[in-house]
N, C-alpha and C. Protein backbone atom coordinates (compact mmCIF):
# COMPACT_ATOMS: atom_id res chain seq x y z
N MET A 1 -24.14 -51.36 29.78
CA MET A 1 -24.08 -50.06 29.72
C MET A 1 -25.47 -49.50 29.71
N ASN A 2 -25.64 -48.32 30.49
CA ASN A 2 -27.08 -47.85 30.47
C ASN A 2 -27.27 -46.67 29.67
N GLU A 3 -28.00 -46.71 28.73
CA GLU A 3 -28.43 -46.02 27.59
C GLU A 3 -28.86 -44.74 27.98
N ASN A 4 -29.47 -44.68 29.36
CA ASN A 4 -30.18 -43.43 29.86
C ASN A 4 -29.26 -42.61 30.56
N ASN A 5 -27.99 -43.08 30.84
CA ASN A 5 -26.93 -42.40 31.54
C ASN A 5 -26.02 -41.76 30.43
N PRO A 6 -25.88 -40.43 30.22
CA PRO A 6 -25.12 -39.59 29.19
C PRO A 6 -23.70 -39.95 29.38
N THR A 7 -23.07 -39.86 30.62
CA THR A 7 -21.72 -40.09 30.98
C THR A 7 -21.18 -41.41 30.59
N GLU A 8 -21.88 -42.42 30.68
CA GLU A 8 -21.29 -43.81 30.15
C GLU A 8 -21.44 -43.89 28.60
N GLN A 9 -22.40 -43.22 27.87
CA GLN A 9 -22.33 -43.08 26.47
C GLN A 9 -21.19 -42.24 26.09
N HIS A 10 -20.99 -41.23 26.70
CA HIS A 10 -19.73 -40.41 26.29
C HIS A 10 -18.51 -41.31 26.46
N GLN A 11 -18.24 -41.85 27.37
CA GLN A 11 -17.16 -42.82 27.59
C GLN A 11 -17.09 -43.80 26.57
N ASP A 12 -18.16 -44.41 26.20
CA ASP A 12 -18.03 -45.28 24.94
C ASP A 12 -17.55 -44.79 23.71
N SER A 13 -17.92 -43.49 23.61
CA SER A 13 -17.74 -42.85 22.06
C SER A 13 -15.99 -42.54 22.08
N GLU A 14 -15.55 -42.50 23.39
CA GLU A 14 -14.16 -42.28 23.45
C GLU A 14 -13.34 -43.23 23.07
N THR A 15 -13.76 -44.54 23.31
CA THR A 15 -13.23 -45.72 23.12
C THR A 15 -13.15 -46.15 21.82
N LYS A 16 -13.98 -45.61 21.02
CA LYS A 16 -13.97 -45.82 19.65
C LYS A 16 -12.91 -45.09 18.96
N TRP A 17 -12.00 -44.47 19.46
CA TRP A 17 -11.01 -43.73 18.90
C TRP A 17 -10.09 -44.43 17.95
N GLN A 18 -9.83 -44.02 16.65
CA GLN A 18 -9.08 -44.91 15.78
C GLN A 18 -7.83 -43.96 15.38
N PRO A 19 -6.87 -44.76 15.05
CA PRO A 19 -5.55 -43.80 14.51
C PRO A 19 -5.74 -43.29 13.30
N CYS A 20 -4.89 -42.44 13.16
CA CYS A 20 -4.72 -41.74 11.74
C CYS A 20 -4.39 -42.72 10.70
N ALA A 21 -5.02 -42.33 9.52
CA ALA A 21 -4.63 -43.34 8.32
C ALA A 21 -3.08 -42.99 7.87
N SER A 22 -2.41 -44.00 7.63
CA SER A 22 -0.91 -43.71 7.23
C SER A 22 -0.98 -42.58 6.08
N GLY A 23 0.04 -41.59 6.42
CA GLY A 23 0.24 -40.35 5.41
C GLY A 23 -0.56 -39.31 5.70
N ASP A 24 -1.54 -39.39 6.75
CA ASP A 24 -2.25 -38.28 7.10
C ASP A 24 -1.46 -37.14 7.77
N LEU A 25 -0.62 -37.61 8.69
CA LEU A 25 0.07 -36.53 9.42
C LEU A 25 1.06 -36.12 8.61
N SER A 26 1.91 -36.72 7.70
CA SER A 26 2.80 -36.14 6.78
C SER A 26 2.22 -35.17 5.73
N GLN A 27 0.78 -35.51 5.41
CA GLN A 27 0.29 -34.61 4.45
C GLN A 27 -0.12 -33.28 5.21
N PHE A 28 -0.59 -33.40 6.49
CA PHE A 28 -0.83 -32.14 7.28
C PHE A 28 0.26 -31.47 7.47
N VAL A 29 1.57 -32.04 7.70
CA VAL A 29 2.68 -31.32 7.86
C VAL A 29 3.18 -30.57 6.46
N SER A 30 2.93 -31.30 5.38
CA SER A 30 3.35 -30.69 4.19
C SER A 30 2.44 -29.32 3.95
N VAL A 31 1.27 -29.49 4.07
CA VAL A 31 0.29 -28.33 4.08
C VAL A 31 0.64 -27.22 4.88
N MET A 32 0.97 -27.71 6.22
CA MET A 32 1.51 -26.39 6.93
C MET A 32 2.77 -25.90 6.80
N LYS A 33 3.80 -26.52 6.00
CA LYS A 33 4.89 -26.08 5.57
C LYS A 33 4.49 -25.17 4.47
N LYS A 34 3.82 -25.60 3.40
CA LYS A 34 3.34 -24.82 2.29
C LYS A 34 2.85 -23.23 2.65
N ARG A 35 1.93 -23.54 3.85
CA ARG A 35 1.35 -22.25 4.13
C ARG A 35 2.22 -21.36 4.95
N LYS A 36 3.14 -21.86 5.47
CA LYS A 36 4.22 -21.04 6.07
C LYS A 36 5.19 -20.29 4.99
N GLN A 37 5.45 -20.91 3.72
CA GLN A 37 6.08 -20.49 2.84
C GLN A 37 5.44 -19.47 2.23
N VAL A 38 4.25 -19.61 1.77
CA VAL A 38 3.31 -18.56 1.27
C VAL A 38 3.42 -17.36 2.10
N SER A 39 3.28 -17.41 3.38
CA SER A 39 3.09 -16.41 4.49
C SER A 39 4.32 -15.53 4.24
N ARG A 40 5.58 -16.21 4.29
CA ARG A 40 6.83 -15.69 4.29
C ARG A 40 7.03 -14.96 2.88
N PHE A 41 6.53 -15.66 1.82
CA PHE A 41 6.50 -14.85 0.57
C PHE A 41 5.72 -13.62 0.52
N ILE A 42 4.66 -13.64 1.17
CA ILE A 42 3.65 -12.61 1.23
C ILE A 42 4.36 -11.37 1.93
N THR A 43 4.77 -11.69 3.03
CA THR A 43 5.56 -10.68 3.92
C THR A 43 6.71 -10.08 3.26
N GLY A 44 7.61 -10.95 2.49
CA GLY A 44 8.49 -10.31 1.63
C GLY A 44 8.20 -9.46 0.64
N ALA A 45 6.93 -9.82 -0.06
CA ALA A 45 6.55 -8.94 -1.16
C ALA A 45 5.88 -7.57 -0.56
N GLU A 46 5.25 -7.89 0.75
CA GLU A 46 4.94 -6.46 1.25
C GLU A 46 5.92 -5.62 1.67
N ILE A 47 7.08 -6.13 1.88
CA ILE A 47 8.29 -5.33 2.42
C ILE A 47 8.77 -4.68 1.24
N VAL A 48 9.17 -5.52 0.09
CA VAL A 48 9.61 -5.03 -1.05
C VAL A 48 8.68 -3.80 -1.42
N THR A 49 7.41 -4.11 -1.50
CA THR A 49 6.57 -3.21 -2.09
C THR A 49 6.43 -1.79 -1.44
N ALA A 50 6.54 -1.75 0.04
CA ALA A 50 6.68 -0.72 0.76
C ALA A 50 7.96 0.15 0.53
N CYS A 51 8.94 -0.58 0.35
CA CYS A 51 10.30 0.00 0.03
C CYS A 51 10.20 0.79 -1.37
N LEU A 52 9.70 -0.04 -2.29
CA LEU A 52 9.68 0.72 -3.53
C LEU A 52 8.76 1.88 -3.49
N ILE A 53 7.64 1.71 -2.85
CA ILE A 53 6.59 3.03 -2.51
C ILE A 53 7.46 4.17 -1.88
N ILE A 54 8.17 3.87 -0.76
CA ILE A 54 8.99 4.81 -0.05
C ILE A 54 10.01 5.55 -1.23
N GLY A 55 10.77 4.59 -1.86
CA GLY A 55 11.54 5.06 -2.84
C GLY A 55 11.05 6.06 -3.97
N MET A 56 9.96 5.49 -4.44
CA MET A 56 9.32 6.37 -5.40
C MET A 56 8.95 7.81 -5.00
N VAL A 57 8.31 7.83 -3.68
CA VAL A 57 7.90 9.09 -2.94
C VAL A 57 9.00 9.81 -2.92
N GLY A 58 10.08 9.21 -2.52
CA GLY A 58 11.46 10.03 -2.07
C GLY A 58 12.09 10.54 -3.51
N PHE A 59 11.90 9.70 -4.55
CA PHE A 59 12.47 10.10 -5.67
C PHE A 59 11.67 11.47 -6.45
N PHE A 60 10.49 11.18 -6.41
CA PHE A 60 9.45 12.10 -7.12
C PHE A 60 9.44 13.54 -6.40
N GLY A 61 9.59 13.20 -4.90
CA GLY A 61 9.41 14.38 -4.04
C GLY A 61 10.77 15.11 -4.08
N MET A 62 11.95 14.69 -4.20
CA MET A 62 13.13 15.29 -4.45
C MET A 62 12.90 16.03 -5.88
N ASN A 63 12.34 15.37 -6.82
CA ASN A 63 12.31 16.19 -8.12
C ASN A 63 11.35 17.24 -8.07
N GLN A 64 10.38 17.19 -7.28
CA GLN A 64 9.33 18.35 -7.03
C GLN A 64 10.01 19.42 -6.36
N LEU A 65 10.96 18.99 -5.18
CA LEU A 65 11.51 20.15 -4.58
C LEU A 65 12.61 20.87 -5.31
N SER A 66 13.27 20.18 -6.39
CA SER A 66 14.12 20.95 -7.09
C SER A 66 13.64 21.93 -8.06
N GLY A 67 12.38 21.63 -8.42
CA GLY A 67 11.51 22.58 -9.31
C GLY A 67 12.26 23.18 -10.53
N PRO A 68 11.55 23.94 -11.13
CA PRO A 68 12.11 24.45 -12.56
C PRO A 68 13.52 25.01 -12.57
N SER A 69 13.84 25.52 -11.67
CA SER A 69 15.11 26.06 -11.51
C SER A 69 16.21 25.28 -12.10
N SER A 70 16.07 23.71 -12.11
CA SER A 70 17.12 22.93 -12.39
C SER A 70 17.01 22.42 -13.64
N GLN A 71 16.41 23.22 -14.64
CA GLN A 71 16.30 22.50 -15.93
C GLN A 71 17.66 22.73 -16.80
N THR A 72 18.08 21.81 -17.51
CA THR A 72 19.19 21.92 -18.03
C THR A 72 19.36 22.81 -19.20
N ILE A 73 20.48 23.54 -19.12
CA ILE A 73 20.38 24.47 -20.14
C ILE A 73 21.63 23.95 -21.22
N GLN A 74 21.38 24.03 -22.46
CA GLN A 74 22.14 23.63 -23.63
C GLN A 74 23.36 24.50 -23.76
N VAL A 75 24.54 23.87 -23.87
CA VAL A 75 25.85 24.52 -23.97
C VAL A 75 26.57 24.01 -25.19
N SER A 76 27.08 24.69 -26.11
CA SER A 76 28.00 24.18 -27.09
C SER A 76 29.34 24.10 -26.65
N THR A 77 30.04 23.34 -27.35
CA THR A 77 31.49 23.12 -26.63
C THR A 77 32.32 24.18 -26.89
N GLU A 78 32.05 25.14 -27.83
CA GLU A 78 32.85 26.33 -27.97
C GLU A 78 32.57 27.29 -26.69
N ASP A 79 31.43 27.23 -26.27
CA ASP A 79 31.05 28.42 -25.09
C ASP A 79 31.33 27.68 -23.73
N SER A 80 31.85 26.39 -23.74
CA SER A 80 32.00 25.89 -22.46
C SER A 80 33.09 26.32 -21.44
N GLU A 81 33.93 27.24 -22.40
CA GLU A 81 35.18 27.94 -21.45
C GLU A 81 34.44 29.01 -20.72
N ASN A 82 33.58 29.65 -21.21
CA ASN A 82 32.93 30.86 -20.61
C ASN A 82 31.52 30.49 -19.90
N PHE A 83 31.23 29.23 -19.76
CA PHE A 83 29.98 28.83 -19.13
C PHE A 83 30.30 28.73 -17.42
N CYS A 84 29.58 29.24 -16.85
CA CYS A 84 29.81 29.23 -15.35
C CYS A 84 28.91 29.07 -14.33
N PRO A 85 28.06 27.94 -14.65
CA PRO A 85 26.74 27.77 -13.65
C PRO A 85 27.46 27.20 -12.45
N GLY A 86 26.80 27.46 -11.21
CA GLY A 86 27.27 27.09 -9.88
C GLY A 86 28.61 27.78 -9.53
N GLY A 87 28.87 28.75 -10.39
CA GLY A 87 30.15 29.51 -9.83
C GLY A 87 31.48 29.08 -10.18
N ILE A 88 31.31 28.08 -11.02
CA ILE A 88 32.71 27.33 -11.37
C ILE A 88 32.68 27.15 -13.01
N TYR A 89 33.89 27.24 -13.45
CA TYR A 89 33.93 27.15 -15.19
C TYR A 89 34.11 25.86 -15.45
N CYS A 90 33.91 25.48 -16.72
CA CYS A 90 33.90 24.09 -17.22
C CYS A 90 35.29 23.49 -17.11
N PRO A 91 36.25 24.22 -17.36
CA PRO A 91 37.72 23.74 -17.30
C PRO A 91 38.04 23.27 -15.73
N GLU A 92 37.78 24.16 -14.87
CA GLU A 92 37.99 23.82 -13.62
C GLU A 92 37.09 22.60 -13.07
N VAL A 93 35.97 22.46 -13.48
CA VAL A 93 35.36 21.31 -13.36
C VAL A 93 35.90 19.96 -13.81
N ILE A 94 36.46 20.14 -15.02
CA ILE A 94 37.15 19.07 -15.58
C ILE A 94 38.39 18.78 -14.88
N ASP A 95 39.11 19.59 -14.33
CA ASP A 95 40.27 19.62 -13.49
C ASP A 95 40.06 18.96 -12.23
N HIS A 96 38.85 19.14 -11.67
CA HIS A 96 38.50 18.37 -10.43
C HIS A 96 37.65 17.19 -10.61
N ALA A 97 37.51 16.85 -11.63
CA ALA A 97 36.32 15.78 -11.86
C ALA A 97 36.93 14.46 -11.17
N LYS A 98 38.25 14.18 -11.35
CA LYS A 98 38.64 12.81 -10.73
C LYS A 98 38.33 12.95 -9.27
N ASP A 99 38.83 13.96 -8.67
CA ASP A 99 38.69 14.11 -7.19
C ASP A 99 37.34 14.21 -6.86
N TYR A 100 36.42 14.68 -7.56
CA TYR A 100 34.89 14.83 -7.43
C TYR A 100 34.38 13.41 -7.37
N VAL A 101 34.58 12.64 -8.42
CA VAL A 101 34.01 11.26 -8.40
C VAL A 101 34.45 10.35 -7.35
N SER A 102 35.78 10.69 -6.79
CA SER A 102 36.28 9.86 -5.81
C SER A 102 35.92 10.44 -4.37
N ASN A 103 35.05 11.53 -4.22
CA ASN A 103 34.47 12.15 -2.92
C ASN A 103 35.69 12.66 -2.28
N LEU A 104 36.65 13.40 -3.00
CA LEU A 104 37.87 13.81 -2.29
C LEU A 104 37.90 15.23 -1.85
N LEU A 105 36.75 16.02 -2.48
CA LEU A 105 36.78 17.33 -2.46
C LEU A 105 36.20 17.87 -1.18
N ASP A 106 36.28 19.19 -0.90
CA ASP A 106 35.49 19.89 0.30
C ASP A 106 34.25 20.15 -0.08
N GLN A 107 33.21 20.16 0.93
CA GLN A 107 31.74 20.51 0.50
C GLN A 107 31.77 21.65 -0.23
N GLU A 108 32.21 22.44 -0.24
CA GLU A 108 31.80 23.82 -1.05
C GLU A 108 32.17 23.61 -2.30
N LEU A 109 33.26 23.15 -2.75
CA LEU A 109 33.80 22.76 -4.22
C LEU A 109 32.74 21.69 -4.65
N THR A 110 32.48 20.74 -3.93
CA THR A 110 31.66 19.66 -4.34
C THR A 110 30.38 20.11 -4.70
N GLN A 111 29.59 21.19 -3.97
CA GLN A 111 28.33 21.87 -4.10
C GLN A 111 28.29 22.46 -5.48
N LYS A 112 29.56 23.27 -5.80
CA LYS A 112 29.66 24.11 -7.01
C LYS A 112 29.60 23.27 -7.99
N ILE A 113 30.36 22.15 -8.03
CA ILE A 113 30.47 21.14 -9.30
C ILE A 113 29.22 20.55 -9.37
N GLU A 114 28.37 20.12 -8.26
CA GLU A 114 27.23 19.64 -8.62
C GLU A 114 26.19 20.60 -9.32
N ALA A 115 26.10 21.77 -8.82
CA ALA A 115 25.32 22.90 -9.53
C ALA A 115 25.60 22.96 -10.98
N HIS A 116 27.24 22.86 -11.26
CA HIS A 116 27.40 23.06 -12.59
C HIS A 116 27.04 22.01 -13.22
N LEU A 117 27.06 21.02 -12.80
CA LEU A 117 26.74 19.55 -13.57
C LEU A 117 25.29 19.52 -13.90
N VAL A 118 24.48 20.00 -12.99
CA VAL A 118 22.94 20.04 -13.39
C VAL A 118 22.77 20.91 -14.59
N ASN A 119 23.39 21.91 -14.84
CA ASN A 119 23.29 22.73 -15.94
C ASN A 119 24.10 22.66 -17.08
N CYS A 120 24.98 21.75 -17.01
CA CYS A 120 26.14 21.65 -18.04
C CYS A 120 26.39 20.02 -18.52
N PRO A 121 25.42 19.90 -19.62
CA PRO A 121 25.53 18.42 -20.08
C PRO A 121 26.98 17.88 -20.57
N HIS A 122 27.87 18.99 -21.07
CA HIS A 122 29.13 18.68 -21.69
C HIS A 122 29.88 18.23 -20.42
N CYS A 123 29.89 18.94 -19.25
CA CYS A 123 30.79 18.33 -18.00
C CYS A 123 29.92 17.15 -17.53
N GLN A 124 28.67 17.03 -17.41
CA GLN A 124 28.03 15.84 -16.97
C GLN A 124 28.61 14.74 -17.65
N LYS A 125 28.67 14.72 -18.97
CA LYS A 125 28.91 13.72 -19.88
C LYS A 125 30.62 13.05 -19.54
N LYS A 126 31.36 14.27 -19.35
CA LYS A 126 32.70 13.74 -18.85
C LYS A 126 32.64 13.21 -17.80
N VAL A 127 32.04 13.62 -16.70
CA VAL A 127 32.04 13.06 -15.40
C VAL A 127 31.47 11.55 -15.32
N ASP A 128 30.34 11.54 -16.35
CA ASP A 128 29.79 10.16 -16.38
C ASP A 128 30.92 8.96 -16.95
N GLN A 129 31.56 9.69 -17.98
CA GLN A 129 32.72 8.92 -18.65
C GLN A 129 33.76 8.54 -17.56
N LEU A 130 34.16 9.47 -16.64
CA LEU A 130 35.10 9.10 -15.71
C LEU A 130 34.47 8.08 -14.70
N ARG A 131 33.43 8.31 -14.36
CA ARG A 131 32.76 7.27 -13.37
C ARG A 131 32.77 5.89 -13.79
N ALA A 132 32.51 5.79 -15.21
CA ALA A 132 32.21 4.65 -16.07
C ALA A 132 33.60 4.03 -16.07
N ASN A 133 34.83 4.71 -16.16
CA ASN A 133 36.15 4.15 -16.19
C ASN A 133 36.52 3.59 -14.94
N MET A 134 35.98 4.28 -13.68
CA MET A 134 36.60 4.07 -12.50
C MET A 134 35.88 2.79 -12.12
N ASP A 135 34.46 2.69 -12.42
CA ASP A 135 33.90 1.61 -12.12
C ASP A 135 34.32 0.22 -12.63
N ASN A 136 34.92 0.35 -13.67
CA ASN A 136 35.67 -0.99 -14.31
C ASN A 136 36.65 -1.58 -13.37
N ASN A 137 37.38 -0.83 -12.31
CA ASN A 137 38.09 -1.33 -11.45
C ASN A 137 37.75 -2.72 -10.80
N ALA A 138 38.73 -3.64 -10.85
CA ALA A 138 38.31 -4.95 -10.38
C ALA A 138 38.06 -4.86 -8.82
N ALA A 139 38.84 -4.11 -8.13
CA ALA A 139 38.52 -4.13 -6.63
C ALA A 139 37.22 -3.42 -6.25
N ASP A 140 36.81 -2.53 -7.10
CA ASP A 140 35.53 -1.98 -6.64
C ASP A 140 34.52 -3.09 -7.02
N GLN A 141 34.51 -3.70 -8.13
CA GLN A 141 33.43 -4.80 -8.63
C GLN A 141 33.15 -5.68 -7.52
N LYS A 142 34.67 -6.04 -6.95
CA LYS A 142 34.68 -7.25 -5.93
C LYS A 142 34.14 -6.57 -4.82
N ALA A 143 34.25 -5.45 -4.18
CA ALA A 143 33.65 -4.94 -3.21
C ALA A 143 32.02 -4.69 -3.31
N ALA A 144 31.74 -4.44 -4.53
CA ALA A 144 30.19 -4.29 -4.74
C ALA A 144 29.68 -5.72 -4.55
N LEU A 145 30.29 -6.84 -5.19
CA LEU A 145 29.71 -8.04 -4.91
C LEU A 145 29.80 -8.54 -3.51
N LEU A 146 30.58 -8.16 -2.60
CA LEU A 146 30.53 -8.62 -1.43
C LEU A 146 29.57 -7.73 -0.62
N LYS A 147 29.33 -6.37 -0.99
CA LYS A 147 28.31 -5.69 -0.42
C LYS A 147 26.74 -6.48 -0.61
N GLN A 148 26.70 -7.02 -1.92
CA GLN A 148 25.68 -7.49 -2.49
C GLN A 148 25.28 -8.93 -1.63
N ALA A 149 26.44 -9.61 -1.36
CA ALA A 149 26.39 -10.73 -0.76
C ALA A 149 26.00 -10.64 0.65
N LYS A 150 26.42 -9.61 1.36
CA LYS A 150 26.07 -9.33 2.82
C LYS A 150 24.55 -9.07 2.89
N TRP A 151 23.96 -8.21 1.72
CA TRP A 151 22.71 -7.81 1.79
C TRP A 151 21.93 -9.03 1.68
N GLU A 152 22.20 -9.76 0.88
CA GLU A 152 21.34 -11.10 0.44
C GLU A 152 21.24 -12.08 1.74
N ALA A 153 22.42 -12.04 2.53
CA ALA A 153 22.48 -12.98 3.74
C ALA A 153 21.63 -12.11 4.64
N TYR A 154 21.67 -10.90 4.82
CA TYR A 154 20.59 -10.24 5.83
C TYR A 154 19.14 -10.39 5.55
N LEU A 155 18.95 -10.38 4.27
CA LEU A 155 17.40 -10.54 3.93
C LEU A 155 16.84 -12.12 4.16
N LEU A 156 18.07 -12.92 3.92
CA LEU A 156 17.77 -14.39 4.24
C LEU A 156 17.52 -14.59 5.72
N ALA A 157 18.24 -13.87 6.58
CA ALA A 157 18.17 -14.11 8.15
C ALA A 157 16.90 -13.44 8.31
N LEU A 158 16.40 -12.32 7.80
CA LEU A 158 15.10 -11.64 8.11
C LEU A 158 14.00 -12.73 7.73
N ASN A 159 14.05 -13.55 6.85
CA ASN A 159 12.90 -14.29 6.47
C ASN A 159 12.86 -15.82 7.27
N GLN A 160 13.88 -15.80 8.04
CA GLN A 160 13.95 -17.24 8.76
C GLN A 160 13.13 -17.07 10.04
């Protein structure tokens, strides 16, 4: 070998290559898998954070739009028959409550009931109780669980 010739010296250093020690490759693969998992976790956290921020902005934005005109007015049970916010009396709201909760009413009547419920805690309480009773339906619970399972499967598919 000629030490003055750099090409021969370069070729000589290549022949001194040695194989990896046992476990080096598996350790490298393990580190890369962990990095990928951390990257997926961070991406998921960023998505959840963005959704929360958008939700909060929407929620607080809607509350700002409704303004002070939607403040709740206190009404006693005795006055409820003569109370008519939204252009509909309390007994009418209670009569239509089941159809309202089931989304079976036309848009005009639904809007009147919603305006009434914003200002009438008595009727709002009755509608909330009706919703709670309807939510105890086993078929509705099964449908909600199925919807949740589909959502989780979708999220898992996005993360892969």
